[in-house]
Amino acid sequence: MDLGLNGRTALVCAASKGLGRGCAMALAAEGVHVVILARGRPALEATAAEIAAQGGKVSLVVADIVTPEGRAAALAACPEPDILVNNAGGPPPGDFRAFSRDDWIKALDANMLTPIELIKATVDGMIGRGFGRIVNITSSSVKAPIEVLGLSNGARSGLTGFIAGLARRTVRQGVTINNLLPGTFDTDRLHVTLAARARAAGRDVEAEVAATAAQNPAGRFGTPAEFGAACAFLCSRQAGYITGQNLLLDGGAYPGTY
């Protein structure tokens, strides 16, 4: 299927690894010029080199998107994106009683306010050009809150509520805004989390990984490539009637009907 994206430009945040990288790779494969952003230069350069080696058009920005300076650098490199993929690392787990006000502000800055700032900076240009796709990478915890991820539950749910209203106001002008909610995906972050959990419980790390994958109805973790493909479709010409939605990618782990 031709997604109708050839020649478009995308700003993809936190794209050096994991799910952001999967989105950048999938969009580049569709002929999109991807401007990828992350804090770490070596991993970002490696991702850019792989995209270029596969014939993709790519630019990179080494910056922290959560800071005003990072956002300014990203927008200077890609001032008029047709596609914006919002992504940032999740806040740490813990008991809500231990979270300070500063912890909450950091979580809100990274997972709610930064995406809103980037949308504010780019959405009117998209409206003016008559085409835009905004995809926010959030979490399955928006659908089914995870007890130890209170900071993430709160901040990402705040973004979800904001998007629910805005997405209905922009679709008439050809701009859709949707959220992708990942469950367990085969990323470095997941393996670090499972290794820490195994060590704390005195269990073998490889056994912990295998057991966690087996618990999913699909019997495995998702792949960044699968996630990227879903992102690319939401950005496509064919997805112009999809807006304000929360697409859950979790292998069937969520047990509800709705």
Protein backbone atom coordinates (compact mmCIF):
# COMPACT_ATOMS: atom_id res chain seq x y z
CA MET A 1 0.00 0.00 0.00
CA ASP A 2 1.27 3.46 -0.92
CA LEU A 3 0.70 5.58 2.18
CA GLY A 4 0.94 8.82 0.22
CA LEU A 5 3.77 10.19 2.33
CA ASN A 6 6.60 10.49 -0.20
CA GLY A 7 8.18 13.93 0.04
CA ARG A 8 6.67 14.79 3.42
CA THR A 9 8.79 15.94 6.37
CA ALA A 10 8.59 14.53 9.90
CA LEU A 11 10.03 15.58 13.23
CA VAL A 12 10.48 12.43 15.33
CA CYS A 13 11.43 12.90 18.98
CA ALA A 14 13.51 10.45 21.05
CA ALA A 15 14.27 8.58 17.83
CA SER A 16 17.70 7.10 18.43
CA LYS A 17 16.40 3.89 20.01
CA GLY A 18 13.30 1.86 20.69
CA LEU A 19 9.86 2.95 19.60
CA GLY A 20 10.88 6.38 18.35
CA ARG A 21 13.50 4.75 16.16
CA GLY A 22 10.91 2.31 14.86
CA CYS A 23 8.68 5.22 13.85
CA ALA A 24 11.53 7.06 12.13
CA MET A 25 12.57 3.95 10.20
CA ALA A 26 9.02 3.25 9.03
CA LEU A 27 8.39 6.83 7.93
CA ALA A 28 11.72 7.03 6.11
CA ALA A 29 10.86 3.85 4.23
CA GLU A 30 7.75 5.65 2.93
CA GLY A 31 9.83 8.47 1.45
CA VAL A 32 9.49 10.88 4.37
CA HIS A 33 12.43 13.16 5.19
CA VAL A 34 12.82 12.41 8.89
CA VAL A 35 14.42 14.85 11.29
CA ILE A 36 15.37 12.69 14.26
CA LEU A 37 16.14 14.00 17.69
CA ALA A 38 17.67 12.52 20.85
CA ARG A 39 20.08 13.44 23.63
CA GLY A 40 22.78 10.87 22.86
CA ARG A 41 24.84 11.50 19.74
CA PRO A 42 26.36 8.01 19.13
CA ALA A 43 23.03 6.15 19.03
CA LEU A 44 21.40 8.96 17.05
CA GLU A 45 24.17 8.93 14.45
CA ALA A 46 23.92 5.14 14.19
CA THR A 47 20.18 5.36 13.51
CA ALA A 48 20.70 8.14 10.96
CA ALA A 49 23.37 6.07 9.20
CA GLU A 50 21.05 3.05 8.98
CA ILE A 51 18.22 5.14 7.55
CA ALA A 52 20.58 6.68 5.00
CA ALA A 53 21.99 3.26 4.09
CA GLN A 54 18.46 2.12 3.25
CA GLY A 55 17.98 5.08 0.93
CA GLY A 56 16.11 7.30 3.36
CA LYS A 57 16.47 11.03 3.75
CA VAL A 58 17.44 11.96 7.31
CA SER A 59 18.72 14.85 9.40
CA LEU A 60 19.61 14.70 13.07
CA VAL A 61 19.49 17.04 16.05
CA VAL A 62 21.28 16.26 19.31
CA ALA A 63 19.13 17.90 21.97
CA ASP A 64 16.87 17.31 24.96
CA ILE A 65 13.34 17.92 23.71
CA VAL A 66 12.09 18.48 27.27
CA THR A 67 14.06 21.74 27.53
CA PRO A 68 13.16 25.03 25.80
CA GLU A 69 16.59 25.00 24.18
CA GLY A 70 16.05 21.50 22.85
CA ARG A 71 12.68 22.38 21.39
CA ALA A 72 14.14 25.50 19.78
CA ALA A 73 16.91 23.43 18.17
CA ALA A 74 14.41 20.86 16.90
CA LEU A 75 12.13 23.49 15.40
CA ALA A 76 15.05 25.35 13.85
CA ALA A 77 16.00 22.14 12.05
CA CYS A 78 12.40 21.30 11.12
CA PRO A 79 10.27 24.44 11.30
CA GLU A 80 7.38 23.20 9.14
CA PRO A 81 6.90 19.47 9.68
CA ASP A 82 4.03 17.68 8.00
CA ILE A 83 4.31 15.00 10.68
CA LEU A 84 5.15 15.33 14.36
CA VAL A 85 5.88 12.26 16.48
CA ASN A 86 5.98 13.22 20.15
CA ASN A 87 7.99 10.92 22.36
CA ALA A 88 9.97 11.17 25.60
CA GLY A 89 11.21 8.77 28.23
CA GLY A 90 8.78 7.83 30.96
CA PRO A 91 9.20 8.97 34.57
CA PRO A 92 10.46 6.53 37.20
CA PRO A 93 8.18 4.13 39.07
CA GLY A 94 7.51 4.31 42.77
CA ASP A 95 5.03 4.85 45.59
CA PHE A 96 3.14 8.11 45.11
CA ARG A 97 3.85 9.00 48.75
CA ALA A 98 7.52 9.34 47.86
CA PHE A 99 6.99 11.64 44.88
CA SER A 100 7.88 15.26 45.48
CA ARG A 101 6.39 18.27 43.74
CA ASP A 102 9.54 18.43 41.62
CA ASP A 103 8.99 14.81 40.55
CA TRP A 104 5.50 15.69 39.38
CA ILE A 105 6.66 18.81 37.54
CA LYS A 106 9.37 16.82 35.71
CA ALA A 107 6.85 14.18 34.68
CA LEU A 108 4.38 16.78 33.45
CA ASP A 109 7.12 18.65 31.59
CA ALA A 110 8.30 15.52 29.76
CA ASN A 111 5.06 13.68 29.09
CA MET A 112 2.40 16.37 28.87
CA LEU A 113 3.68 19.92 28.49
CA THR A 114 6.50 19.24 26.00
CA PRO A 115 4.17 17.53 23.49
CA ILE A 116 1.68 20.39 23.90
CA GLU A 117 4.41 22.97 23.28
CA LEU A 118 5.50 21.19 20.10
CA ILE A 119 1.92 20.89 18.90
CA LYS A 120 1.37 24.59 19.57
CA ALA A 121 4.48 25.43 17.55
CA THR A 122 3.54 23.32 14.52
CA VAL A 123 -0.21 22.76 14.24
CA ASP A 124 -1.14 26.11 12.71
CA GLY A 125 1.38 25.59 9.93
CA MET A 126 -0.13 22.18 9.25
CA ILE A 127 -3.60 23.72 9.16
CA GLY A 128 -2.40 26.39 6.74
CA ARG A 129 -0.96 23.77 4.39
CA GLY A 130 -4.07 21.58 4.66
CA PHE A 131 -2.25 18.47 5.88
CA GLY A 132 -0.81 17.35 9.19
CA ARG A 133 -0.34 14.23 11.25
CA ILE A 134 0.51 14.36 14.96
CA VAL A 135 1.17 11.09 16.77
CA ASN A 136 1.88 11.03 20.51
CA ILE A 137 3.61 7.98 21.95
CA THR A 138 2.04 7.53 25.37
CA SER A 139 1.56 4.23 27.25
CA SER A 140 -0.84 1.36 27.79
CA SER A 141 -1.11 2.74 31.34
CA VAL A 142 -3.45 5.40 29.93
CA LYS A 143 -5.93 2.60 29.22
CA ALA A 144 -5.15 0.46 32.25
CA PRO A 145 -3.22 2.39 34.93
CA ILE A 146 -0.20 0.65 36.43
CA GLU A 147 0.00 1.13 40.19
CA VAL A 148 3.71 1.90 40.44
CA LEU A 149 3.65 4.30 37.49
CA GLY A 150 1.66 7.06 39.15
CA LEU A 151 3.73 9.83 37.57
CA SER A 152 3.26 8.36 34.11
CA ASN A 153 -0.43 7.59 34.66
CA GLY A 154 -1.11 11.19 35.65
CA ALA A 155 1.01 13.05 33.11
CA ARG A 156 0.07 10.94 30.10
CA SER A 157 -3.61 10.97 31.01
CA GLY A 158 -3.44 14.76 31.11
CA LEU A 159 -2.04 14.80 27.58
CA THR A 160 -4.73 12.35 26.46
CA GLY A 161 -7.49 14.59 27.75
CA PHE A 162 -6.01 17.63 26.02
CA ILE A 163 -5.70 15.77 22.71
CA ALA A 164 -9.29 14.54 22.90
CA GLY A 165 -10.52 18.12 22.61
CA LEU A 166 -7.97 19.51 20.17
CA ALA A 167 -8.16 16.63 17.67
CA ARG A 168 -11.81 17.41 16.93
CA ARG A 169 -10.94 21.01 16.10
CA THR A 170 -8.18 20.34 13.57
CA VAL A 171 -9.44 17.41 11.51
CA ARG A 172 -11.66 19.59 9.30
CA GLN A 173 -8.45 21.32 8.14
CA GLY A 174 -6.75 18.02 7.30
CA VAL A 175 -4.79 17.67 10.55
CA THR A 176 -5.27 14.53 12.63
CA ILE A 177 -3.95 13.95 16.15
CA ASN A 178 -3.80 10.47 17.66
CA ASN A 179 -2.05 8.58 20.45
CA LEU A 180 -0.19 5.28 20.28
CA LEU A 181 -0.30 3.29 23.52
CA PRO A 182 2.49 0.69 23.70
CA GLY A 183 2.41 -2.32 25.95
CA THR A 184 5.54 -4.47 26.35
CA PHE A 185 7.89 -3.95 23.43
CA ASP A 186 11.34 -5.41 22.88
CA THR A 187 13.37 -2.31 23.71
CA ASP A 188 16.43 -1.52 25.80
CA ARG A 189 14.21 0.18 28.38
CA LEU A 190 12.12 -2.96 28.84
CA HIS A 191 15.18 -5.17 29.28
CA VAL A 192 16.70 -2.78 31.83
CA THR A 193 13.43 -2.81 33.78
CA LEU A 194 13.15 -6.61 33.71
CA ALA A 195 16.79 -7.05 34.71
CA ALA A 196 16.29 -4.78 37.71
CA ARG A 197 13.13 -6.66 38.68
CA ALA A 198 14.91 -10.01 38.40
CA ARG A 199 17.85 -8.89 40.51
CA ALA A 200 15.55 -7.47 43.20
CA ALA A 201 13.70 -10.78 43.39
CA GLY A 202 16.82 -12.94 43.12
CA ARG A 203 15.70 -14.46 39.84
CA ASP A 204 17.58 -15.25 36.64
CA VAL A 205 17.34 -12.35 34.18
CA GLU A 206 16.82 -14.49 31.06
CA ALA A 207 14.12 -16.49 32.83
CA GLU A 208 12.42 -13.26 33.89
CA VAL A 209 12.40 -11.99 30.31
CA ALA A 210 11.03 -15.27 28.98
CA ALA A 211 8.34 -15.50 31.65
CA THR A 212 7.20 -11.93 31.05
CA ALA A 213 6.93 -12.50 27.30
CA ALA A 214 4.99 -15.73 27.88
CA GLN A 215 2.43 -13.91 30.03
CA ASN A 216 1.30 -11.85 27.05
CA PRO A 217 -1.57 -13.37 25.04
CA ALA A 218 0.65 -13.11 21.96
CA GLY A 219 3.36 -15.08 23.78
CA ARG A 220 6.00 -12.47 22.95
CA PHE A 221 6.95 -8.81 23.08
CA GLY A 222 6.08 -6.40 20.32
CA THR A 223 8.83 -5.16 18.01
CA PRO A 224 9.75 -1.53 17.27
CA ALA A 225 9.18 -2.27 13.58
CA GLU A 226 5.55 -3.26 14.29
CA PHE A 227 5.08 -0.11 16.32
CA GLY A 228 6.64 2.01 13.59
CA ALA A 229 4.31 0.51 10.99
CA ALA A 230 1.28 1.50 13.08
CA CYS A 231 2.67 5.02 13.38
CA ALA A 232 3.26 5.26 9.64
CA PHE A 233 -0.32 4.21 8.92
CA LEU A 234 -1.73 6.85 11.28
CA CYS A 235 0.36 9.39 9.36
CA SER A 236 -0.87 8.17 5.99
CA ARG A 237 -3.21 9.70 3.45
CA GLN A 238 -5.61 6.82 4.14
CA ALA A 239 -5.88 7.67 7.86
CA GLY A 240 -7.39 11.13 7.39
CA TYR A 241 -10.67 10.06 9.04
CA ILE A 242 -8.96 8.82 12.22
CA THR A 243 -8.45 11.46 14.90
CA GLY A 244 -8.57 11.78 18.67
CA GLN A 245 -8.03 8.04 19.07
CA ASN A 246 -5.92 5.98 21.47
CA LEU A 247 -4.55 2.97 19.61
CA LEU A 248 -3.48 0.26 22.05
CA LEU A 249 -0.64 -2.00 20.87
CA ASP A 250 -0.18 -4.60 23.58
CA GLY A 251 -0.63 -8.06 22.07
CA GLY A 252 -4.04 -8.36 23.71
CA ALA A 253 -2.84 -7.81 27.29
CA TYR A 254 -5.63 -5.37 28.12
CA PRO A 255 -8.51 -7.63 29.23
CA GLY A 256 -11.42 -5.28 28.60
CA THR A 257 -14.02 -5.26 25.84
CA TYR A 258 -13.92 -1.49 25.28
